[in-house]
Amino acid sequence: MIKYKLQCKNLHLFESWFSNSDAYERLNKGKLLSCEICGSNSISKSLMSPSVNSKENKPLKEVLKPNPNKEQIILKELKKEIEKNYEYVGENFEKEARAIHFGDSPERSIYGKTTLKEAKSLYEDGIPVTPLPWTDRKTN
């Protein structure tokens, strides 16, 4: 997982998670990314600086090394917040997103499942969608 600071053509800054840099490039090239503030799909990466704690005397190489445990914790917290504050609409995501957008359903934050084709169709119709940085896993 990788988090990028992004910027739209209107200079709004926001962050988003991607499974890898290729995923970001693919979504951006397909115009599937949009500014969470104004909805613009003209998105670019913004400058980011690494988080370095100057009080520690660790070598820079060790400080910059990815910490999968920390990233997993952040993702778990994000998922927990979304599940707590958003309504899960499951496979009806595209239908419900359209209904909310066109005023046929009450405005609220939702999450659910959709195909890339459906997400692209929503985007082309001016309905903002954001991919979530995890998949549902069923454990045995």
C-alpha atoms as a PDB file:
ATOM      1  CA  MET A   1       0.000   0.000   0.000  1.00  0.00           C
ATOM      2  CA  ILE A   2       1.165   3.503  -0.774  1.00  0.00           C
ATOM      3  CA  LYS A   3      -0.313   6.843   0.205  1.00  0.00           C
ATOM      4  CA  TYR A   4       0.049   9.809  -2.111  1.00  0.00           C
ATOM      5  CA  LYS A   5      -0.648  13.455  -1.483  1.00  0.00           C
ATOM      6  CA  LEU A   6      -2.626  14.562  -4.532  1.00  0.00           C
ATOM      7  CA  GLN A   7      -3.529  17.924  -6.013  1.00  0.00           C
ATOM      8  CA  CYS A   8      -6.244  18.872  -8.489  1.00  0.00           C
ATOM      9  CA  LYS A   9      -6.059  21.583 -11.141  1.00  0.00           C
ATOM     10  CA  ASN A  10      -7.793  23.933  -8.661  1.00  0.00           C
ATOM     11  CA  LEU A  11      -4.890  23.390  -6.215  1.00  0.00           C
ATOM     12  CA  HIS A  12      -6.947  21.434  -3.659  1.00  0.00           C
ATOM     13  CA  LEU A  13      -4.767  19.000  -1.692  1.00  0.00           C
ATOM     14  CA  PHE A  14      -5.929  15.594  -0.500  1.00  0.00           C
ATOM     15  CA  GLU A  15      -4.509  12.142   0.173  1.00  0.00           C
ATOM     16  CA  SER A  16      -5.427   8.695  -1.079  1.00  0.00           C
ATOM     17  CA  TRP A  17      -4.156   5.143  -0.708  1.00  0.00           C
ATOM     18  CA  PHE A  18      -3.226   2.892  -3.631  1.00  0.00           C
ATOM     19  CA  SER A  19      -2.112  -0.729  -3.767  1.00  0.00           C
ATOM     20  CA  ASN A  20       1.030   0.386  -5.640  1.00  0.00           C
ATOM     21  CA  SER A  21       2.285   3.165  -7.916  1.00  0.00           C
ATOM     22  CA  ASP A  22       1.018   1.351 -11.015  1.00  0.00           C
ATOM     23  CA  ALA A  23      -2.509   1.353  -9.561  1.00  0.00           C
ATOM     24  CA  TYR A  24      -2.329   5.138  -9.134  1.00  0.00           C
ATOM     25  CA  GLU A  25      -1.065   5.597 -12.706  1.00  0.00           C
ATOM     26  CA  ARG A  26      -3.766   3.320 -14.137  1.00  0.00           C
ATOM     27  CA  LEU A  27      -6.595   5.076 -12.253  1.00  0.00           C
ATOM     28  CA  ASN A  28      -5.291   8.544 -13.089  1.00  0.00           C
ATOM     29  CA  LYS A  29      -4.804   7.699 -16.771  1.00  0.00           C
ATOM     30  CA  GLY A  30      -8.356   6.317 -16.904  1.00  0.00           C
ATOM     31  CA  LYS A  31      -9.625   9.557 -15.311  1.00  0.00           C
ATOM     32  CA  LEU A  32     -11.047   7.553 -12.387  1.00  0.00           C
ATOM     33  CA  LEU A  33      -9.563   9.826  -9.722  1.00  0.00           C
ATOM     34  CA  SER A  34     -11.373  12.958  -8.634  1.00  0.00           C
ATOM     35  CA  CYS A  35     -10.796  15.757  -6.163  1.00  0.00           C
ATOM     36  CA  GLU A  36     -12.792  15.150  -3.012  1.00  0.00           C
ATOM     37  CA  ILE A  37     -13.390  18.904  -2.716  1.00  0.00           C
ATOM     38  CA  CYS A  38     -14.393  20.078  -6.218  1.00  0.00           C
ATOM     39  CA  GLY A  39     -14.743  16.836  -8.208  1.00  0.00           C
ATOM     40  CA  SER A  40     -12.066  17.753 -10.770  1.00  0.00           C
ATOM     41  CA  ASN A  41     -10.488  14.747 -12.483  1.00  0.00           C
ATOM     42  CA  SER A  42      -7.329  16.616 -13.443  1.00  0.00           C
ATOM     43  CA  ILE A  43      -5.164  15.105 -10.677  1.00  0.00           C
ATOM     44  CA  SER A  44      -1.425  15.044 -10.105  1.00  0.00           C
ATOM     45  CA  LYS A  45       0.859  13.931  -7.305  1.00  0.00           C
ATOM     46  CA  SER A  46       1.883  16.700  -4.945  1.00  0.00           C
ATOM     47  CA  LEU A  47       5.227  16.996  -3.230  1.00  0.00           C
ATOM     48  CA  MET A  48       5.557  14.802  -0.169  1.00  0.00           C
ATOM     49  CA  SER A  49       8.327  14.700   2.338  1.00  0.00           C
ATOM     50  CA  PRO A  50       9.190  11.614   4.346  1.00  0.00           C
ATOM     51  CA  SER A  51       8.331  11.654   8.011  1.00  0.00           C
ATOM     52  CA  VAL A  52      11.673  11.712   9.793  1.00  0.00           C
ATOM     53  CA  ASN A  53      12.007  11.993  13.560  1.00  0.00           C
ATOM     54  CA  SER A  54      15.164  14.029  14.168  1.00  0.00           C
ATOM     55  CA  LYS A  55      15.272  13.126  17.891  1.00  0.00           C
ATOM     56  CA  GLU A  56      16.259   9.559  17.111  1.00  0.00           C
ATOM     57  CA  ASN A  57      19.748   8.660  15.981  1.00  0.00           C
ATOM     58  CA  LYS A  58      18.674   5.922  13.582  1.00  0.00           C
ATOM     59  CA  PRO A  59      20.316   5.773  10.181  1.00  0.00           C
ATOM     60  CA  LEU A  60      18.184   7.438   7.491  1.00  0.00           C
ATOM     61  CA  LYS A  61      17.930   4.104   5.647  1.00  0.00           C
ATOM     62  CA  GLU A  62      16.228   2.573   8.705  1.00  0.00           C
ATOM     63  CA  VAL A  63      13.936   5.559   9.261  1.00  0.00           C
ATOM     64  CA  LEU A  64      12.681   5.492   5.655  1.00  0.00           C
ATOM     65  CA  LYS A  65      12.115   1.720   5.613  1.00  0.00           C
ATOM     66  CA  PRO A  66       8.399   0.890   5.172  1.00  0.00           C
ATOM     67  CA  ASN A  67       6.686  -0.417   8.271  1.00  0.00           C
ATOM     68  CA  PRO A  68       4.010  -2.910   7.174  1.00  0.00           C
ATOM     69  CA  ASN A  69       2.649  -3.199  10.705  1.00  0.00           C
ATOM     70  CA  LYS A  70       2.080   0.567  10.951  1.00  0.00           C
ATOM     71  CA  GLU A  71       0.453   0.627   7.500  1.00  0.00           C
ATOM     72  CA  GLN A  72      -1.795  -2.297   8.431  1.00  0.00           C
ATOM     73  CA  ILE A  73      -2.848  -0.525  11.625  1.00  0.00           C
ATOM     74  CA  ILE A  74      -3.669   2.664   9.704  1.00  0.00           C
ATOM     75  CA  LEU A  75      -5.699   0.697   7.139  1.00  0.00           C
ATOM     76  CA  LYS A  76      -7.589  -1.148   9.889  1.00  0.00           C
ATOM     77  CA  GLU A  77      -8.415   2.167  11.574  1.00  0.00           C
ATOM     78  CA  LEU A  78      -9.551   3.675   8.251  1.00  0.00           C
ATOM     79  CA  LYS A  79     -11.730   0.653   7.508  1.00  0.00           C
ATOM     80  CA  LYS A  80     -13.230   0.781  11.008  1.00  0.00           C
ATOM     81  CA  GLU A  81     -14.071   4.497  10.624  1.00  0.00           C
ATOM     82  CA  ILE A  82     -15.685   3.967   7.223  1.00  0.00           C
ATOM     83  CA  GLU A  83     -17.716   1.004   8.484  1.00  0.00           C
ATOM     84  CA  LYS A  84     -18.822   3.076  11.492  1.00  0.00           C
ATOM     85  CA  ASN A  85     -19.741   6.277   9.632  1.00  0.00           C
ATOM     86  CA  TYR A  86     -20.798   5.142   6.138  1.00  0.00           C
ATOM     87  CA  GLU A  87     -23.703   2.999   5.018  1.00  0.00           C
ATOM     88  CA  TYR A  88     -22.777  -0.303   3.361  1.00  0.00           C
ATOM     89  CA  VAL A  89     -24.861  -0.826   0.215  1.00  0.00           C
ATOM     90  CA  GLY A  90     -23.061  -3.932  -1.053  1.00  0.00           C
ATOM     91  CA  GLU A  91     -23.525  -4.820  -4.711  1.00  0.00           C
ATOM     92  CA  ASN A  92     -26.009  -1.928  -5.109  1.00  0.00           C
ATOM     93  CA  PHE A  93     -23.277   0.704  -4.943  1.00  0.00           C
ATOM     94  CA  GLU A  94     -23.665   1.994  -8.521  1.00  0.00           C
ATOM     95  CA  LYS A  95     -27.470   2.139  -8.303  1.00  0.00           C
ATOM     96  CA  GLU A  96     -27.445   3.844  -4.902  1.00  0.00           C
ATOM     97  CA  ALA A  97     -24.690   6.320  -5.838  1.00  0.00           C
ATOM     98  CA  ARG A  98     -26.750   7.382  -8.859  1.00  0.00           C
ATOM     99  CA  ALA A  99     -29.938   7.674  -6.778  1.00  0.00           C
ATOM    100  CA  ILE A 100     -28.157   9.890  -4.231  1.00  0.00           C
ATOM    101  CA  HIS A 101     -26.536  11.999  -6.953  1.00  0.00           C
ATOM    102  CA  PHE A 102     -29.832  12.617  -8.759  1.00  0.00           C
ATOM    103  CA  GLY A 103     -31.801  13.250  -5.544  1.00  0.00           C
ATOM    104  CA  ASP A 104     -33.866  10.059  -5.696  1.00  0.00           C
ATOM    105  CA  SER A 105     -32.372   8.815  -2.414  1.00  0.00           C
ATOM    106  CA  PRO A 106     -31.375  10.716   0.754  1.00  0.00           C
ATOM    107  CA  GLU A 107     -27.874  12.205   0.671  1.00  0.00           C
ATOM    108  CA  ARG A 108     -25.436  10.204   2.789  1.00  0.00           C
ATOM    109  CA  SER A 109     -21.999   8.622   2.666  1.00  0.00           C
ATOM    110  CA  ILE A 110     -22.014   5.087   1.291  1.00  0.00           C
ATOM    111  CA  TYR A 111     -19.574   2.339   0.434  1.00  0.00           C
ATOM    112  CA  GLY A 112     -19.979  -0.958  -1.326  1.00  0.00           C
ATOM    113  CA  LYS A 113     -18.873  -3.051  -4.260  1.00  0.00           C
ATOM    114  CA  THR A 114     -18.693  -2.077  -7.907  1.00  0.00           C
ATOM    115  CA  THR A 115     -16.844  -3.134 -11.009  1.00  0.00           C
ATOM    116  CA  LEU A 116     -14.235  -0.981 -12.714  1.00  0.00           C
ATOM    117  CA  LYS A 117     -16.659  -0.554 -15.632  1.00  0.00           C
ATOM    118  CA  GLU A 118     -19.422   0.670 -13.276  1.00  0.00           C
ATOM    119  CA  ALA A 119     -17.011   3.011 -11.455  1.00  0.00           C
ATOM    120  CA  LYS A 120     -15.889   4.460 -14.785  1.00  0.00           C
ATOM    121  CA  SER A 121     -19.520   4.953 -15.820  1.00  0.00           C
ATOM    122  CA  LEU A 122     -20.260   6.769 -12.546  1.00  0.00           C
ATOM    123  CA  TYR A 123     -17.237   8.983 -13.076  1.00  0.00           C
ATOM    124  CA  GLU A 124     -18.215   9.770 -16.675  1.00  0.00           C
ATOM    125  CA  ASP A 125     -21.637  10.851 -15.396  1.00  0.00           C
ATOM    126  CA  GLY A 126     -20.022  13.247 -12.896  1.00  0.00           C
ATOM    127  CA  ILE A 127     -20.619  11.078  -9.841  1.00  0.00           C
ATOM    128  CA  PRO A 128     -17.501  11.036  -7.613  1.00  0.00           C
ATOM    129  CA  VAL A 129     -16.190   7.658  -6.459  1.00  0.00           C
ATOM    130  CA  THR A 130     -13.057   6.767  -4.533  1.00  0.00           C
ATOM    131  CA  PRO A 131     -11.532   3.275  -4.476  1.00  0.00           C
ATOM    132  CA  LEU A 132     -10.926   1.886  -1.003  1.00  0.00           C
ATOM    133  CA  PRO A 133      -7.498   0.424  -0.257  1.00  0.00           C
ATOM    134  CA  TRP A 134      -8.650  -3.044   0.767  1.00  0.00           C
ATOM    135  CA  THR A 135     -10.640  -6.014  -0.420  1.00  0.00           C
ATOM    136  CA  ASP A 136     -13.089  -8.138   1.517  1.00  0.00           C
ATOM    137  CA  ARG A 137     -11.458 -11.343   2.595  1.00  0.00           C
ATOM    138  CA  LYS A 138     -13.262 -14.337   3.952  1.00  0.00           C
ATOM    139  CA  THR A 139     -11.190 -16.433   6.306  1.00  0.00           C
ATOM    140  CA  ASN A 140     -11.791 -20.090   7.044  1.00  0.00           C
END
